[in-house]
Amino acid sequence: MMETDRRSLAKTLWHSPVLRFGAIGGLNNLLSYGIFVALTRAGMPSIGAATITYATGMVVSYLANRTFTFRHSGNTRRSVLQFIVVNIAGYALNVAILALFVELIGWNALVVQLGAIVIVATGIYLGMRFWVFRTTGAADA
């Protein structure tokens, strides 16, 4: 009986868009953070490194979140445009965080970027869930 309960819980959790978003985002952010570390250690300024990693991560994010996280089958053109808007807002927030805490205050870019990932990811999830990949009709929060 316990094994069945665990399988049922795992299945229920896997159907949660929040957890699927977290899994995709976690993998995407680990890859992006690794690239960010490599670029900044190679001498690239933090904002330049964030720009490169953000752009590459957006492509992976759109494809994975549309097909896996939100299982969206709506208008692709609309969702791509809205996805870009949400991610530009997320990018602007990321850059503002880096500019303030790294460039102005002088904190460590690697630490600041870790915090920025959490803040920006939360905003992006909300934008994708309730605007970009929202389901039409009944709410499925």
C-alpha atoms as a PDB file:
ATOM      1  CA  MET A   1       0.000   0.000   0.000  1.00  0.00           C
ATOM      2  CA  MET A   2       2.836   2.418   0.817  1.00  0.00           C
ATOM      3  CA  GLU A   3       4.408   1.919  -2.634  1.00  0.00           C
ATOM      4  CA  THR A   4       1.088   2.727  -4.307  1.00  0.00           C
ATOM      5  CA  ASP A   5       0.758   5.893  -2.206  1.00  0.00           C
ATOM      6  CA  ARG A   6       4.262   6.991  -3.211  1.00  0.00           C
ATOM      7  CA  ARG A   7       3.572   6.356  -6.883  1.00  0.00           C
ATOM      8  CA  SER A   8       0.304   8.245  -6.637  1.00  0.00           C
ATOM      9  CA  LEU A   9       2.025  11.188  -4.951  1.00  0.00           C
ATOM     10  CA  ALA A  10       4.815  11.196  -7.538  1.00  0.00           C
ATOM     11  CA  LYS A  11       2.277  11.113 -10.384  1.00  0.00           C
ATOM     12  CA  THR A  12       0.270  13.935  -8.808  1.00  0.00           C
ATOM     13  CA  LEU A  13       3.366  16.073  -8.304  1.00  0.00           C
ATOM     14  CA  TRP A  14       4.601  15.406 -11.852  1.00  0.00           C
ATOM     15  CA  HIS A  15       1.335  16.781 -13.209  1.00  0.00           C
ATOM     16  CA  SER A  16       1.936  20.078 -11.406  1.00  0.00           C
ATOM     17  CA  PRO A  17       3.044  22.843 -13.786  1.00  0.00           C
ATOM     18  CA  VAL A  18       5.007  24.434 -10.939  1.00  0.00           C
ATOM     19  CA  LEU A  19       7.125  21.321 -10.483  1.00  0.00           C
ATOM     20  CA  ARG A  20       7.580  20.752 -14.218  1.00  0.00           C
ATOM     21  CA  PHE A  21       8.589  24.417 -14.579  1.00  0.00           C
ATOM     22  CA  GLY A  22      11.012  23.957 -11.699  1.00  0.00           C
ATOM     23  CA  ALA A  23      12.559  20.882 -13.285  1.00  0.00           C
ATOM     24  CA  ILE A  24      12.983  22.536 -16.686  1.00  0.00           C
ATOM     25  CA  GLY A  25      14.085  25.804 -15.130  1.00  0.00           C
ATOM     26  CA  GLY A  26      16.479  24.078 -12.771  1.00  0.00           C
ATOM     27  CA  LEU A  27      18.233  22.224 -15.575  1.00  0.00           C
ATOM     28  CA  ASN A  28      18.222  25.284 -17.821  1.00  0.00           C
ATOM     29  CA  ASN A  29      19.561  27.519 -15.044  1.00  0.00           C
ATOM     30  CA  LEU A  30      22.292  25.054 -14.072  1.00  0.00           C
ATOM     31  CA  LEU A  31      23.498  25.051 -17.658  1.00  0.00           C
ATOM     32  CA  SER A  32      23.179  28.837 -17.937  1.00  0.00           C
ATOM     33  CA  TYR A  33      24.920  29.408 -14.602  1.00  0.00           C
ATOM     34  CA  GLY A  34      27.796  27.154 -15.682  1.00  0.00           C
ATOM     35  CA  ILE A  35      28.194  29.196 -18.847  1.00  0.00           C
ATOM     36  CA  PHE A  36      27.920  32.425 -16.795  1.00  0.00           C
ATOM     37  CA  VAL A  37      30.699  31.236 -14.467  1.00  0.00           C
ATOM     38  CA  ALA A  38      32.932  30.265 -17.388  1.00  0.00           C
ATOM     39  CA  LEU A  39      32.400  33.576 -19.176  1.00  0.00           C
ATOM     40  CA  THR A  40      32.956  35.754 -16.100  1.00  0.00           C
ATOM     41  CA  ARG A  41      36.049  33.767 -15.098  1.00  0.00           C
ATOM     42  CA  ALA A  42      37.340  34.293 -18.629  1.00  0.00           C
ATOM     43  CA  GLY A  43      37.075  38.051 -18.021  1.00  0.00           C
ATOM     44  CA  MET A  44      33.712  38.927 -19.533  1.00  0.00           C
ATOM     45  CA  PRO A  45      31.731  41.562 -17.572  1.00  0.00           C
ATOM     46  CA  SER A  46      28.792  40.101 -15.655  1.00  0.00           C
ATOM     47  CA  ILE A  47      26.103  41.885 -17.681  1.00  0.00           C
ATOM     48  CA  GLY A  48      27.588  40.663 -20.973  1.00  0.00           C
ATOM     49  CA  ALA A  49      27.784  37.113 -19.650  1.00  0.00           C
ATOM     50  CA  ALA A  50      24.197  37.305 -18.402  1.00  0.00           C
ATOM     51  CA  THR A  51      23.063  38.553 -21.819  1.00  0.00           C
ATOM     52  CA  ILE A  52      24.609  35.594 -23.632  1.00  0.00           C
ATOM     53  CA  THR A  53      23.312  33.001 -21.181  1.00  0.00           C
ATOM     54  CA  TYR A  54      19.869  34.582 -21.101  1.00  0.00           C
ATOM     55  CA  ALA A  55      19.468  34.507 -24.880  1.00  0.00           C
ATOM     56  CA  THR A  56      20.482  30.865 -25.226  1.00  0.00           C
ATOM     57  CA  GLY A  57      18.381  29.848 -22.234  1.00  0.00           C
ATOM     58  CA  MET A  58      15.295  31.501 -23.745  1.00  0.00           C
ATOM     59  CA  VAL A  59      15.255  29.162 -26.727  1.00  0.00           C
ATOM     60  CA  VAL A  60      15.506  26.059 -24.543  1.00  0.00           C
ATOM     61  CA  SER A  61      12.949  27.485 -22.123  1.00  0.00           C
ATOM     62  CA  TYR A  62      10.319  28.259 -24.754  1.00  0.00           C
ATOM     63  CA  LEU A  63      10.460  24.851 -26.363  1.00  0.00           C
ATOM     64  CA  ALA A  64      10.508  22.895 -23.098  1.00  0.00           C
ATOM     65  CA  ASN A  65       7.865  24.974 -21.331  1.00  0.00           C
ATOM     66  CA  ARG A  66       5.479  25.048 -24.267  1.00  0.00           C
ATOM     67  CA  THR A  67       5.614  21.302 -24.867  1.00  0.00           C
ATOM     68  CA  PHE A  68       6.336  19.843 -21.430  1.00  0.00           C
ATOM     69  CA  THR A  69       5.548  22.250 -18.607  1.00  0.00           C
ATOM     70  CA  PHE A  70       2.313  23.820 -19.795  1.00  0.00           C
ATOM     71  CA  ARG A  71       1.478  21.448 -22.679  1.00  0.00           C
ATOM     72  CA  HIS A  72       0.227  24.404 -24.648  1.00  0.00           C
ATOM     73  CA  SER A  73      -1.285  23.873 -28.075  1.00  0.00           C
ATOM     74  CA  GLY A  74      -2.516  27.408 -28.667  1.00  0.00           C
ATOM     75  CA  ASN A  75      -1.350  29.990 -31.168  1.00  0.00           C
ATOM     76  CA  THR A  76       2.433  29.706 -31.557  1.00  0.00           C
ATOM     77  CA  ARG A  77       2.986  33.228 -32.898  1.00  0.00           C
ATOM     78  CA  ARG A  78       1.099  34.780 -29.974  1.00  0.00           C
ATOM     79  CA  SER A  79       2.846  32.624 -27.397  1.00  0.00           C
ATOM     80  CA  VAL A  80       6.305  33.358 -28.860  1.00  0.00           C
ATOM     81  CA  LEU A  81       5.664  37.119 -28.769  1.00  0.00           C
ATOM     82  CA  GLN A  82       4.303  36.994 -25.222  1.00  0.00           C
ATOM     83  CA  PHE A  83       7.167  34.717 -24.163  1.00  0.00           C
ATOM     84  CA  ILE A  84       9.642  37.270 -25.507  1.00  0.00           C
ATOM     85  CA  VAL A  85       7.904  40.102 -23.606  1.00  0.00           C
ATOM     86  CA  VAL A  86       7.964  38.129 -20.339  1.00  0.00           C
ATOM     87  CA  ASN A  87      11.618  37.243 -20.830  1.00  0.00           C
ATOM     88  CA  ILE A  88      12.648  40.779 -21.740  1.00  0.00           C
ATOM     89  CA  ALA A  89      11.064  41.902 -18.474  1.00  0.00           C
ATOM     90  CA  GLY A  90      12.922  39.112 -16.664  1.00  0.00           C
ATOM     91  CA  TYR A  91      16.171  40.062 -18.388  1.00  0.00           C
ATOM     92  CA  ALA A  92      15.703  43.729 -17.445  1.00  0.00           C
ATOM     93  CA  LEU A  93      15.149  42.728 -13.830  1.00  0.00           C
ATOM     94  CA  ASN A  94      18.247  40.485 -13.920  1.00  0.00           C
ATOM     95  CA  VAL A  95      20.378  43.284 -15.365  1.00  0.00           C
ATOM     96  CA  ALA A  96      19.036  45.767 -12.806  1.00  0.00           C
ATOM     97  CA  ILE A  97      19.939  43.377  -9.983  1.00  0.00           C
ATOM     98  CA  LEU A  98      23.459  42.886 -11.388  1.00  0.00           C
ATOM     99  CA  ALA A  99      23.927  46.607 -12.032  1.00  0.00           C
ATOM    100  CA  LEU A 100      22.871  47.517  -8.506  1.00  0.00           C
ATOM    101  CA  PHE A 101      24.551  44.818  -6.469  1.00  0.00           C
ATOM    102  CA  VAL A 102      27.651  44.061  -8.590  1.00  0.00           C
ATOM    103  CA  GLU A 103      28.455  47.261 -10.456  1.00  0.00           C
ATOM    104  CA  LEU A 104      27.360  49.830  -7.841  1.00  0.00           C
ATOM    105  CA  ILE A 105      27.753  48.042  -4.511  1.00  0.00           C
ATOM    106  CA  GLY A 106      30.560  45.690  -5.507  1.00  0.00           C
ATOM    107  CA  TRP A 107      29.142  42.349  -4.374  1.00  0.00           C
ATOM    108  CA  ASN A 108      30.350  39.101  -5.898  1.00  0.00           C
ATOM    109  CA  ALA A 109      28.709  38.571  -9.305  1.00  0.00           C
ATOM    110  CA  LEU A 110      28.446  34.817  -8.882  1.00  0.00           C
ATOM    111  CA  VAL A 111      26.531  35.125  -5.607  1.00  0.00           C
ATOM    112  CA  VAL A 112      24.316  37.932  -6.871  1.00  0.00           C
ATOM    113  CA  GLN A 113      23.419  35.966 -10.014  1.00  0.00           C
ATOM    114  CA  LEU A 114      22.316  32.986  -7.906  1.00  0.00           C
ATOM    115  CA  GLY A 115      19.873  35.235  -6.032  1.00  0.00           C
ATOM    116  CA  ALA A 116      18.752  36.888  -9.252  1.00  0.00           C
ATOM    117  CA  ILE A 117      17.916  33.486 -10.748  1.00  0.00           C
ATOM    118  CA  VAL A 118      15.399  32.805  -7.974  1.00  0.00           C
ATOM    119  CA  ILE A 119      13.767  36.238  -8.177  1.00  0.00           C
ATOM    120  CA  VAL A 120      13.596  36.347 -11.962  1.00  0.00           C
ATOM    121  CA  ALA A 121      12.415  32.734 -12.302  1.00  0.00           C
ATOM    122  CA  THR A 122       9.465  33.425 -10.002  1.00  0.00           C
ATOM    123  CA  GLY A 123       8.343  36.367 -12.112  1.00  0.00           C
ATOM    124  CA  ILE A 124       8.818  34.478 -15.354  1.00  0.00           C
ATOM    125  CA  TYR A 125       6.825  31.491 -14.091  1.00  0.00           C
ATOM    126  CA  LEU A 126       3.906  33.733 -13.190  1.00  0.00           C
ATOM    127  CA  GLY A 127       4.050  35.448 -16.581  1.00  0.00           C
ATOM    128  CA  MET A 128       4.138  32.159 -18.453  1.00  0.00           C
ATOM    129  CA  ARG A 129       1.486  30.448 -16.355  1.00  0.00           C
ATOM    130  CA  PHE A 130      -1.079  33.213 -16.411  1.00  0.00           C
ATOM    131  CA  TRP A 131      -0.360  34.987 -19.698  1.00  0.00           C
ATOM    132  CA  VAL A 132       1.881  33.214 -22.224  1.00  0.00           C
ATOM    133  CA  PHE A 133       0.684  29.614 -21.854  1.00  0.00           C
ATOM    134  CA  ARG A 134      -2.609  30.136 -20.075  1.00  0.00           C
ATOM    135  CA  THR A 135      -5.380  27.757 -20.880  1.00  0.00           C
ATOM    136  CA  THR A 136      -8.535  29.200 -22.301  1.00  0.00           C
ATOM    137  CA  GLY A 137     -11.770  28.444 -20.549  1.00  0.00           C
ATOM    138  CA  ALA A 138     -11.763  27.035 -17.029  1.00  0.00           C
ATOM    139  CA  ALA A 139      -8.960  28.075 -14.737  1.00  0.00           C
ATOM    140  CA  ASP A 140      -6.592  25.272 -13.837  1.00  0.00           C
ATOM    141  CA  ALA A 141      -4.457  26.980 -11.201  1.00  0.00           C
END
